[in-house]
Amino acid sequence: MGSGRARGRGPGGPRHGDTGLDAEACVVELAVISGSGDVLVDTLVNPGRPIPVDASEIHGITDEAVATAPSFGQILVGLTAALDGRRCLIWNAPYDKGVLRWELTRHYLAAGHEDPAASAAAWLGGMALEDAMVPYSDWYGDWSDYWGNYSWQALGGGHRALGDVRAVLDRLRKMAAPVASSVD
């Protein structure tokens, strides 16, 4: 889902582009890859409302680009199939999970669920969604005295969902790579 990404990745979870940073940001692009890098989901998503210009300037996705794209509800079955049973690692998971929660709640509300928020929580609770950004930042080791923690590192995926999930996988591979020995 970008951000999301949003990324069923063994290591590549949902990543998405979105309509902004507020609590009601909607997905406009979503990608999921496997741990081996195979693309499981890669689609634009019609948010059903205008994409703010400032968001478009970041990810390059416009209203025109998503005009004929499926809605989140229309891709939910495929997204669920891609994520179900997989450990999904997401860059900045708290944000992406919040956007997913909002989209799921909107979907379940439109579908007439008695308690859309509970249905969204149940869907999220059934998925193994984990953050990759903080562990990578800890591994990278750039300490911030100001924050009293390791500084978050930029993903560098270009702010498009597929590029972002591939960048997450690259970061995970760096963390898993053998350390060169400095012993003579």
N, C-alpha and C. Protein backbone atom coordinates (compact mmCIF):
# COMPACT_ATOMS: atom_id res chain seq x y z
N MET A 1 0.83 -1.14 0.00
CA MET A 1 0.00 0.00 0.00
C MET A 1 0.87 1.20 0.00
N GLY A 2 2.83 1.24 -0.39
CA GLY A 2 3.28 2.15 -0.43
C GLY A 2 3.57 2.47 0.46
N SER A 3 2.33 5.54 0.89
CA SER A 3 3.08 5.54 1.59
C SER A 3 3.50 4.84 0.59
N GLY A 4 2.47 2.33 2.17
CA GLY A 4 1.78 1.20 2.46
C GLY A 4 2.48 0.58 2.42
N ARG A 5 4.37 1.33 1.47
CA ARG A 5 3.47 0.34 1.05
C ARG A 5 2.96 -0.33 1.69
N ALA A 6 1.00 -0.28 2.67
CA ALA A 6 0.59 -0.94 2.48
C ALA A 6 0.64 -1.75 2.34
N ARG A 7 1.94 -3.82 1.43
CA ARG A 7 2.66 -4.80 0.87
C ARG A 7 2.52 -6.20 0.97
N GLY A 8 0.60 -9.67 0.70
CA GLY A 8 1.18 -10.78 1.34
C GLY A 8 2.61 -10.91 1.03
N ARG A 9 3.36 -10.19 1.72
CA ARG A 9 4.73 -10.45 1.47
C ARG A 9 5.22 -11.33 2.60
N GLY A 10 6.05 -12.28 2.19
CA GLY A 10 6.84 -12.91 3.21
C GLY A 10 7.57 -11.73 3.76
N PRO A 11 8.51 -11.21 3.08
CA PRO A 11 9.09 -9.97 3.50
C PRO A 11 8.53 -8.76 2.82
N GLY A 12 7.65 -8.79 1.94
CA GLY A 12 7.26 -7.55 1.28
C GLY A 12 5.88 -7.01 1.56
N GLY A 13 5.10 -7.19 2.52
CA GLY A 13 3.75 -6.79 2.92
C GLY A 13 3.02 -5.78 2.05
N PRO A 14 1.79 -5.38 2.35
CA PRO A 14 1.14 -4.44 1.46
C PRO A 14 1.78 -3.07 1.54
N ARG A 15 1.90 -2.43 0.46
CA ARG A 15 2.39 -1.06 0.43
C ARG A 15 1.46 -0.30 -0.49
N HIS A 16 1.20 0.95 -0.15
CA HIS A 16 0.21 1.68 -0.92
C HIS A 16 0.59 3.12 -1.08
N GLY A 17 0.01 3.73 -2.11
CA GLY A 17 -0.03 5.17 -2.22
C GLY A 17 -1.36 5.58 -1.62
N ASP A 18 -1.49 6.84 -1.23
CA ASP A 18 -2.72 7.24 -0.56
C ASP A 18 -3.10 8.67 -0.87
N THR A 19 -4.25 9.09 -0.28
CA THR A 19 -4.77 10.43 -0.54
C THR A 19 -4.28 11.45 0.48
N GLY A 20 -3.38 11.06 1.37
CA GLY A 20 -2.86 12.02 2.33
C GLY A 20 -2.39 11.36 3.60
N LEU A 21 -2.13 12.18 4.62
CA LEU A 21 -1.61 11.68 5.89
C LEU A 21 -2.64 11.69 7.00
N ASP A 22 -3.87 12.14 6.71
CA ASP A 22 -4.87 12.24 7.76
C ASP A 22 -5.48 10.87 8.07
N ALA A 23 -6.30 10.82 9.10
CA ALA A 23 -6.91 9.57 9.55
C ALA A 23 -7.87 8.97 8.54
N GLU A 24 -8.30 9.75 7.55
CA GLU A 24 -9.22 9.26 6.55
C GLU A 24 -8.56 9.17 5.17
N ALA A 25 -7.23 8.97 5.15
CA ALA A 25 -6.52 8.79 3.89
C ALA A 25 -6.97 7.49 3.24
N CYS A 26 -7.14 7.52 1.93
CA CYS A 26 -7.59 6.35 1.19
C CYS A 26 -6.48 5.81 0.30
N VAL A 27 -6.49 4.53 0.08
CA VAL A 27 -5.52 3.87 -0.78
C VAL A 27 -5.78 4.27 -2.23
N VAL A 28 -4.70 4.59 -2.97
CA VAL A 28 -4.81 4.85 -4.41
C VAL A 28 -3.96 3.87 -5.22
N GLU A 29 -3.10 3.12 -4.54
CA GLU A 29 -2.26 2.12 -5.19
C GLU A 29 -1.85 1.11 -4.14
N LEU A 30 -1.78 -0.16 -4.53
CA LEU A 30 -1.41 -1.18 -3.58
C LEU A 30 -0.57 -2.24 -4.27
N ALA A 31 0.48 -2.68 -3.58
CA ALA A 31 1.34 -3.75 -4.12
C ALA A 31 1.71 -4.70 -3.00
N VAL A 32 1.82 -5.97 -3.35
CA VAL A 32 2.25 -7.02 -2.44
C VAL A 32 3.21 -7.91 -3.23
N ILE A 33 4.35 -8.23 -2.60
CA ILE A 33 5.27 -9.17 -3.22
C ILE A 33 5.59 -10.28 -2.23
N SER A 34 6.08 -11.38 -2.77
CA SER A 34 6.50 -12.50 -1.93
C SER A 34 7.93 -12.25 -1.45
N GLY A 35 8.39 -13.11 -0.57
CA GLY A 35 9.76 -13.01 -0.08
C GLY A 35 10.80 -13.21 -1.16
N SER A 36 10.41 -13.86 -2.25
CA SER A 36 11.34 -14.04 -3.37
C SER A 36 11.21 -12.92 -4.41
N GLY A 37 10.29 -11.99 -4.15
CA GLY A 37 10.13 -10.84 -5.04
C GLY A 37 9.05 -11.00 -6.10
N ASP A 38 8.32 -12.11 -6.08
CA ASP A 38 7.24 -12.30 -7.05
C ASP A 38 6.10 -11.34 -6.73
N VAL A 39 5.56 -10.70 -7.76
CA VAL A 39 4.46 -9.75 -7.58
C VAL A 39 3.16 -10.53 -7.38
N LEU A 40 2.51 -10.29 -6.23
CA LEU A 40 1.24 -10.93 -5.92
C LEU A 40 0.06 -9.99 -6.16
N VAL A 41 0.26 -8.72 -5.91
CA VAL A 41 -0.75 -7.69 -6.15
C VAL A 41 0.00 -6.43 -6.58
N ASP A 42 -0.49 -5.79 -7.62
CA ASP A 42 0.05 -4.50 -8.07
C ASP A 42 -1.06 -3.80 -8.84
N THR A 43 -1.73 -2.86 -8.18
CA THR A 43 -2.87 -2.22 -8.81
C THR A 43 -3.07 -0.79 -8.32
N LEU A 44 -3.56 0.04 -9.19
CA LEU A 44 -4.09 1.33 -8.77
C LEU A 44 -5.44 1.06 -8.11
N VAL A 45 -5.89 1.96 -7.25
CA VAL A 45 -7.16 1.81 -6.55
C VAL A 45 -7.89 3.14 -6.64
N ASN A 46 -9.15 3.09 -7.04
CA ASN A 46 -9.97 4.29 -7.09
C ASN A 46 -10.49 4.58 -5.68
N PRO A 47 -10.07 5.69 -5.07
CA PRO A 47 -10.48 5.96 -3.70
C PRO A 47 -11.92 6.46 -3.56
N GLY A 48 -12.57 6.77 -4.68
CA GLY A 48 -13.94 7.26 -4.63
C GLY A 48 -14.04 8.71 -4.18
N ARG A 49 -12.93 9.40 -4.13
CA ARG A 49 -12.91 10.82 -3.80
C ARG A 49 -11.65 11.42 -4.42
N PRO A 50 -11.60 12.74 -4.57
CA PRO A 50 -10.44 13.35 -5.22
C PRO A 50 -9.14 13.13 -4.44
N ILE A 51 -8.05 12.97 -5.18
CA ILE A 51 -6.73 12.85 -4.58
C ILE A 51 -6.18 14.26 -4.42
N PRO A 52 -5.82 14.66 -3.21
CA PRO A 52 -5.27 16.01 -3.03
C PRO A 52 -4.00 16.22 -3.86
N VAL A 53 -3.84 17.42 -4.35
CA VAL A 53 -2.68 17.76 -5.19
C VAL A 53 -1.38 17.46 -4.47
N ASP A 54 -1.29 17.78 -3.17
CA ASP A 54 -0.04 17.54 -2.44
C ASP A 54 0.30 16.06 -2.37
N ALA A 55 -0.69 15.18 -2.29
CA ALA A 55 -0.44 13.74 -2.31
C ALA A 55 0.01 13.31 -3.70
N SER A 56 -0.66 13.82 -4.74
CA SER A 56 -0.27 13.49 -6.12
C SER A 56 1.16 13.92 -6.42
N GLU A 57 1.56 15.06 -5.85
CA GLU A 57 2.93 15.53 -6.08
C GLU A 57 3.97 14.59 -5.49
N ILE A 58 3.61 13.85 -4.46
CA ILE A 58 4.53 12.89 -3.85
C ILE A 58 4.60 11.60 -4.64
N HIS A 59 3.45 10.98 -4.91
CA HIS A 59 3.47 9.67 -5.56
C HIS A 59 3.17 9.71 -7.06
N GLY A 60 2.73 10.83 -7.57
CA GLY A 60 2.49 10.95 -9.01
C GLY A 60 1.19 10.35 -9.49
N ILE A 61 0.33 9.92 -8.59
CA ILE A 61 -0.94 9.30 -8.98
C ILE A 61 -2.03 10.37 -8.95
N THR A 62 -2.74 10.50 -10.06
CA THR A 62 -3.76 11.53 -10.21
C THR A 62 -5.17 10.93 -10.26
N ASP A 63 -6.16 11.80 -10.15
CA ASP A 63 -7.55 11.35 -10.29
C ASP A 63 -7.78 10.66 -11.62
N GLU A 64 -7.17 11.20 -12.67
CA GLU A 64 -7.33 10.61 -14.00
C GLU A 64 -6.75 9.20 -14.05
N ALA A 65 -5.63 8.99 -13.36
CA ALA A 65 -4.98 7.68 -13.38
C ALA A 65 -5.82 6.61 -12.70
N VAL A 66 -6.60 6.99 -11.69
CA VAL A 66 -7.40 6.00 -10.95
C VAL A 66 -8.87 5.96 -11.37
N ALA A 67 -9.24 6.77 -12.34
CA ALA A 67 -10.65 6.89 -12.74
C ALA A 67 -11.29 5.55 -13.08
N THR A 68 -10.57 4.66 -13.74
CA THR A 68 -11.13 3.37 -14.13
C THR A 68 -10.57 2.22 -13.30
N ALA A 69 -9.82 2.54 -12.25
CA ALA A 69 -9.24 1.51 -11.38
C ALA A 69 -10.32 0.91 -10.49
N PRO A 70 -10.10 -0.31 -9.99
CA PRO A 70 -11.06 -0.91 -9.06
C PRO A 70 -11.05 -0.18 -7.72
N SER A 71 -12.14 -0.31 -6.99
CA SER A 71 -12.22 0.24 -5.63
C SER A 71 -11.48 -0.70 -4.68
N PHE A 72 -11.26 -0.24 -3.46
CA PHE A 72 -10.63 -1.09 -2.45
C PHE A 72 -11.47 -2.35 -2.24
N GLY A 73 -12.78 -2.19 -2.15
CA GLY A 73 -13.66 -3.35 -1.97
C GLY A 73 -13.52 -4.37 -3.09
N GLN A 74 -13.27 -3.89 -4.30
CA GLN A 74 -13.13 -4.80 -5.44
C GLN A 74 -11.80 -5.56 -5.42
N ILE A 75 -10.80 -5.05 -4.74
CA ILE A 75 -9.52 -5.77 -4.68
C ILE A 75 -9.33 -6.53 -3.37
N LEU A 76 -10.29 -6.38 -2.44
CA LEU A 76 -10.12 -6.95 -1.10
C LEU A 76 -9.97 -8.47 -1.12
N VAL A 77 -10.72 -9.18 -1.94
CA VAL A 77 -10.61 -10.64 -1.99
C VAL A 77 -9.20 -11.04 -2.43
N GLY A 78 -8.68 -10.39 -3.47
CA GLY A 78 -7.33 -10.70 -3.95
C GLY A 78 -6.27 -10.32 -2.93
N LEU A 79 -6.46 -9.18 -2.26
CA LEU A 79 -5.51 -8.76 -1.22
C LEU A 79 -5.51 -9.77 -0.07
N THR A 80 -6.69 -10.18 0.35
CA THR A 80 -6.80 -11.15 1.44
C THR A 80 -6.10 -12.45 1.06
N ALA A 81 -6.32 -12.92 -0.14
CA ALA A 81 -5.68 -14.16 -0.59
C ALA A 81 -4.15 -14.02 -0.62
N ALA A 82 -3.67 -12.85 -1.02
CA ALA A 82 -2.22 -12.63 -1.10
C ALA A 82 -1.58 -12.57 0.29
N LEU A 83 -2.30 -12.05 1.28
CA LEU A 83 -1.74 -11.86 2.62
C LEU A 83 -1.98 -13.03 3.57
N ASP A 84 -3.07 -13.75 3.38
CA ASP A 84 -3.49 -14.77 4.32
C ASP A 84 -2.43 -15.86 4.49
N GLY A 85 -2.08 -16.12 5.74
CA GLY A 85 -1.12 -17.17 6.05
C GLY A 85 0.33 -16.76 5.87
N ARG A 86 0.57 -15.52 5.53
CA ARG A 86 1.94 -15.04 5.34
C ARG A 86 2.32 -14.06 6.44
N ARG A 87 3.59 -14.05 6.76
CA ARG A 87 4.15 -13.01 7.63
C ARG A 87 4.44 -11.83 6.73
N CYS A 88 3.80 -10.70 7.01
CA CYS A 88 3.88 -9.54 6.14
C CYS A 88 4.64 -8.41 6.82
N LEU A 89 5.71 -7.98 6.21
CA LEU A 89 6.54 -6.92 6.77
C LEU A 89 6.28 -5.63 6.00
N ILE A 90 5.99 -4.57 6.74
CA ILE A 90 5.54 -3.31 6.15
C ILE A 90 6.43 -2.18 6.66
N TRP A 91 6.81 -1.28 5.75
CA TRP A 91 7.56 -0.09 6.15
C TRP A 91 6.58 0.89 6.80
N ASN A 92 6.82 1.25 8.03
CA ASN A 92 5.95 2.14 8.80
C ASN A 92 4.55 1.50 8.98
N ALA A 93 4.56 0.31 9.53
CA ALA A 93 3.32 -0.46 9.69
C ALA A 93 2.22 0.28 10.45
N PRO A 94 2.53 1.04 11.51
CA PRO A 94 1.42 1.72 12.19
C PRO A 94 0.62 2.63 11.25
N TYR A 95 1.30 3.34 10.36
CA TYR A 95 0.59 4.20 9.42
C TYR A 95 -0.20 3.37 8.41
N ASP A 96 0.46 2.40 7.78
CA ASP A 96 -0.21 1.60 6.76
C ASP A 96 -1.38 0.81 7.33
N LYS A 97 -1.23 0.29 8.55
CA LYS A 97 -2.33 -0.44 9.17
C LYS A 97 -3.50 0.50 9.46
N GLY A 98 -3.20 1.76 9.80
CA GLY A 98 -4.27 2.74 10.01
C GLY A 98 -5.04 3.02 8.73
N VAL A 99 -4.32 3.12 7.61
CA VAL A 99 -4.98 3.34 6.32
C VAL A 99 -5.80 2.11 5.94
N LEU A 100 -5.24 0.93 6.16
CA LEU A 100 -6.00 -0.30 5.89
C LEU A 100 -7.25 -0.36 6.76
N ARG A 101 -7.11 -0.01 8.05
CA ARG A 101 -8.28 -0.02 8.95
C ARG A 101 -9.38 0.90 8.41
N TRP A 102 -8.99 2.09 7.97
CA TRP A 102 -9.96 3.04 7.43
C TRP A 102 -10.65 2.47 6.18
N GLU A 103 -9.85 1.92 5.25
CA GLU A 103 -10.43 1.36 4.02
C GLU A 103 -11.34 0.17 4.33
N LEU A 104 -10.92 -0.69 5.23
CA LEU A 104 -11.74 -1.84 5.61
C LEU A 104 -13.05 -1.38 6.25
N THR A 105 -12.96 -0.39 7.12
CA THR A 105 -14.17 0.13 7.78
C THR A 105 -15.12 0.71 6.74
N ARG A 106 -14.58 1.50 5.79
CA ARG A 106 -15.43 2.05 4.72
C ARG A 106 -16.08 0.92 3.92
N HIS A 107 -15.31 -0.10 3.60
CA HIS A 107 -15.82 -1.24 2.83
C HIS A 107 -16.94 -1.95 3.59
N TYR A 108 -16.68 -2.27 4.86
CA TYR A 108 -17.68 -3.01 5.63
C TYR A 108 -18.92 -2.16 5.92
N LEU A 109 -18.77 -0.86 6.04
CA LEU A 109 -19.91 0.04 6.20
C LEU A 109 -20.78 -0.01 4.94
N ALA A 110 -20.15 0.11 3.77
CA ALA A 110 -20.89 0.07 2.50
C ALA A 110 -21.55 -1.30 2.28
N ALA A 111 -20.92 -2.36 2.80
CA ALA A 111 -21.46 -3.71 2.63
C ALA A 111 -22.55 -4.02 3.64
N GLY A 112 -22.84 -3.07 4.56
CA GLY A 112 -23.94 -3.24 5.50
C GLY A 112 -23.61 -4.03 6.75
N HIS A 113 -22.34 -4.17 7.09
CA HIS A 113 -21.98 -4.89 8.32
C HIS A 113 -22.53 -4.13 9.53
N GLU A 114 -22.99 -4.87 10.51
CA GLU A 114 -23.56 -4.27 11.72
C GLU A 114 -22.54 -3.41 12.46
N ASP A 115 -21.30 -3.90 12.53
CA ASP A 115 -20.23 -3.17 13.23
C ASP A 115 -19.00 -3.13 12.32
N PRO A 116 -18.96 -2.17 11.38
CA PRO A 116 -17.86 -2.12 10.41
C PRO A 116 -16.48 -2.02 11.05
N ALA A 117 -16.35 -1.28 12.14
CA ALA A 117 -15.05 -1.14 12.80
C ALA A 117 -14.59 -2.48 13.38
N ALA A 118 -15.51 -3.24 13.94
CA ALA A 118 -15.18 -4.56 14.48
C ALA A 118 -14.79 -5.52 13.35
N SER A 119 -15.49 -5.43 12.22
CA SER A 119 -15.15 -6.28 11.07
C SER A 119 -13.76 -5.94 10.55
N ALA A 120 -13.43 -4.65 10.50
CA ALA A 120 -12.10 -4.22 10.07
C ALA A 120 -11.04 -4.73 11.04
N ALA A 121 -11.32 -4.60 12.33
CA ALA A 121 -10.37 -5.07 13.34
C ALA A 121 -10.17 -6.59 13.25
N ALA A 122 -11.24 -7.31 12.97
CA ALA A 122 -11.14 -8.76 12.83
C ALA A 122 -10.28 -9.13 11.62
N TRP A 123 -10.46 -8.43 10.50
CA TRP A 123 -9.65 -8.70 9.30
C TRP A 123 -8.18 -8.44 9.63
N LEU A 124 -7.89 -7.28 10.21
CA LEU A 124 -6.51 -6.95 10.55
C LEU A 124 -5.93 -7.94 11.56
N GLY A 125 -6.75 -8.35 12.52
CA GLY A 125 -6.30 -9.30 13.53
C GLY A 125 -5.98 -10.68 12.97
N GLY A 126 -6.54 -10.98 11.82
CA GLY A 126 -6.29 -12.26 11.17
C GLY A 126 -5.05 -12.27 10.30
N MET A 127 -4.42 -11.12 10.17
CA MET A 127 -3.22 -11.01 9.34
C MET A 127 -1.99 -10.82 10.22
N ALA A 128 -0.87 -11.33 9.78
CA ALA A 128 0.40 -11.18 10.50
C ALA A 128 1.16 -10.00 9.89
N LEU A 129 0.78 -8.79 10.30
CA LEU A 129 1.37 -7.56 9.75
C LEU A 129 2.38 -7.01 10.75
N GLU A 130 3.63 -6.88 10.33
CA GLU A 130 4.70 -6.44 11.21
C GLU A 130 5.45 -5.27 10.59
N ASP A 131 6.03 -4.45 11.45
CA ASP A 131 6.80 -3.31 10.98
C ASP A 131 8.21 -3.72 10.60
N ALA A 132 8.72 -3.15 9.52
CA ALA A 132 10.11 -3.37 9.10
C ALA A 132 10.95 -2.11 9.29
N MET A 133 10.31 -0.94 9.40
CA MET A 133 11.05 0.32 9.46
C MET A 133 11.86 0.46 10.75
N VAL A 134 11.24 0.22 11.88
CA VAL A 134 11.95 0.37 13.15
C VAL A 134 13.06 -0.66 13.30
N PRO A 135 12.82 -1.95 13.01
CA PRO A 135 13.94 -2.89 13.08
C PRO A 135 15.09 -2.53 12.14
N TYR A 136 14.76 -2.03 10.94
CA TYR A 136 15.83 -1.62 10.03
C TYR A 136 16.59 -0.42 10.60
N SER A 137 15.88 0.53 11.15
CA SER A 137 16.53 1.71 11.75
C SER A 137 17.43 1.30 12.90
N ASP A 138 16.97 0.36 13.73
CA ASP A 138 17.80 -0.14 14.82
C ASP A 138 19.05 -0.83 14.26
N TRP A 139 18.88 -1.64 13.23
CA TRP A 139 20.00 -2.34 12.60
C TRP A 139 20.97 -1.34 11.97
N TYR A 140 20.44 -0.31 11.32
CA TYR A 140 21.26 0.70 10.66
C TYR A 140 22.11 1.46 11.68
N GLY A 141 21.54 1.75 12.83
CA GLY A 141 22.30 2.26 13.95
C GLY A 141 22.64 3.74 13.99
N ASP A 142 21.80 4.59 13.41
CA ASP A 142 22.04 6.04 13.44
C ASP A 142 21.32 6.63 14.66
N TRP A 143 22.03 6.73 15.78
CA TRP A 143 21.43 7.16 17.03
C TRP A 143 21.08 8.65 17.00
N SER A 144 19.92 8.99 17.54
CA SER A 144 19.49 10.38 17.66
C SER A 144 19.40 10.74 19.14
N ASP A 145 20.27 11.63 19.58
CA ASP A 145 20.17 12.10 20.97
C ASP A 145 18.85 12.84 21.19
N TYR A 146 18.39 13.54 20.16
CA TYR A 146 17.15 14.30 20.27
C TYR A 146 15.97 13.38 20.56
N TRP A 147 15.85 12.29 19.79
CA TRP A 147 14.72 11.38 19.95
C TRP A 147 14.98 10.31 21.02
N GLY A 148 16.24 10.13 21.39
CA GLY A 148 16.57 9.08 22.35
C GLY A 148 16.35 7.70 21.79
N ASN A 149 16.56 7.57 20.47
CA ASN A 149 16.32 6.31 19.78
C ASN A 149 17.06 6.36 18.45
N TYR A 150 17.01 5.28 17.72
CA TYR A 150 17.63 5.28 16.39
C TYR A 150 16.75 6.04 15.40
N SER A 151 17.39 6.81 14.54
CA SER A 151 16.65 7.60 13.54
C SER A 151 16.05 6.69 12.48
N TRP A 152 14.80 6.99 12.14
CA TRP A 152 14.15 6.27 11.05
C TRP A 152 14.91 6.54 9.76
N GLN A 153 15.01 5.55 8.94
CA GLN A 153 15.72 5.66 7.68
C GLN A 153 14.71 5.75 6.53
N ALA A 154 15.04 6.56 5.54
CA ALA A 154 14.17 6.69 4.37
C ALA A 154 14.15 5.36 3.62
N LEU A 155 13.00 5.04 3.07
CA LEU A 155 12.86 3.78 2.33
C LEU A 155 13.54 3.85 0.97
N GLY A 156 13.35 4.96 0.25
CA GLY A 156 14.00 5.09 -1.05
C GLY A 156 13.35 4.28 -2.15
N GLY A 157 12.06 4.03 -2.06
CA GLY A 157 11.38 3.24 -3.09
C GLY A 157 10.69 4.07 -4.15
N GLY A 158 10.76 5.40 -4.04
CA GLY A 158 10.16 6.26 -5.06
C GLY A 158 8.71 6.62 -4.81
N HIS A 159 8.14 6.21 -3.69
CA HIS A 159 6.75 6.54 -3.32
C HIS A 159 5.70 5.92 -4.24
N ARG A 160 6.07 4.90 -4.98
CA ARG A 160 5.09 4.09 -5.71
C ARG A 160 5.07 2.73 -5.05
N ALA A 161 3.92 2.10 -4.99
CA ALA A 161 3.73 0.90 -4.18
C ALA A 161 4.71 -0.22 -4.53
N LEU A 162 4.83 -0.56 -5.80
CA LEU A 162 5.71 -1.67 -6.17
C LEU A 162 7.17 -1.34 -5.90
N GLY A 163 7.58 -0.12 -6.20
CA GLY A 163 8.95 0.28 -5.89
C GLY A 163 9.22 0.25 -4.40
N ASP A 164 8.23 0.66 -3.60
CA ASP A 164 8.38 0.66 -2.15
C ASP A 164 8.49 -0.77 -1.59
N VAL A 165 7.65 -1.69 -2.06
CA VAL A 165 7.74 -3.05 -1.51
C VAL A 165 9.05 -3.71 -1.92
N ARG A 166 9.52 -3.40 -3.12
CA ARG A 166 10.83 -3.94 -3.52
C ARG A 166 11.95 -3.35 -2.67
N ALA A 167 11.83 -2.08 -2.30
CA ALA A 167 12.82 -1.45 -1.43
C ALA A 167 12.79 -2.08 -0.03
N VAL A 168 11.60 -2.41 0.48
CA VAL A 168 11.51 -3.09 1.77
C VAL A 168 12.24 -4.43 1.70
N LEU A 169 12.01 -5.18 0.65
CA LEU A 169 12.68 -6.47 0.49
C LEU A 169 14.20 -6.29 0.43
N ASP A 170 14.66 -5.27 -0.26
CA ASP A 170 16.10 -4.98 -0.31
C ASP A 170 16.64 -4.69 1.09
N ARG A 171 15.91 -3.90 1.88
CA ARG A 171 16.35 -3.59 3.25
C ARG A 171 16.42 -4.86 4.09
N LEU A 172 15.44 -5.73 3.95
CA LEU A 172 15.43 -6.98 4.70
C LEU A 172 16.60 -7.87 4.30
N ARG A 173 16.91 -7.89 3.02
CA ARG A 173 18.05 -8.69 2.55
C ARG A 173 19.36 -8.14 3.09
N LYS A 174 19.49 -6.82 3.17
CA LYS A 174 20.69 -6.22 3.77
C LYS A 174 20.84 -6.66 5.22
N MET A 175 19.72 -6.63 5.95
CA MET A 175 19.77 -7.02 7.36
C MET A 175 20.13 -8.49 7.54
N ALA A 176 19.72 -9.33 6.60
CA ALA A 176 19.95 -10.78 6.70
C ALA A 176 21.29 -11.22 6.12
N ALA A 177 21.98 -10.33 5.43
CA ALA A 177 23.24 -10.68 4.79
C ALA A 177 24.30 -11.02 5.84
N PRO A 178 25.18 -11.96 5.51
CA PRO A 178 26.26 -12.29 6.44
C PRO A 178 27.16 -11.06 6.67
N VAL A 179 27.62 -10.94 7.88
CA VAL A 179 28.53 -9.86 8.22
C VAL A 179 29.94 -10.26 7.88
N ALA A 180 30.66 -9.38 7.17
CA ALA A 180 32.05 -9.68 6.82
C ALA A 180 32.89 -9.69 8.09
N SER A 181 33.74 -10.66 8.18
CA SER A 181 34.59 -10.78 9.37
C SER A 181 35.77 -9.81 9.28
N SER A 182 36.08 -9.16 10.38
CA SER A 182 37.22 -8.26 10.40
C SER A 182 38.39 -8.89 11.18
N VAL A 183 38.23 -10.18 11.51
CA VAL A 183 39.28 -10.89 12.24
C VAL A 183 40.31 -11.39 11.24
N ASP A 184 41.56 -11.15 11.56
CA ASP A 184 42.64 -11.63 10.66
C ASP A 184 42.95 -13.08 10.89
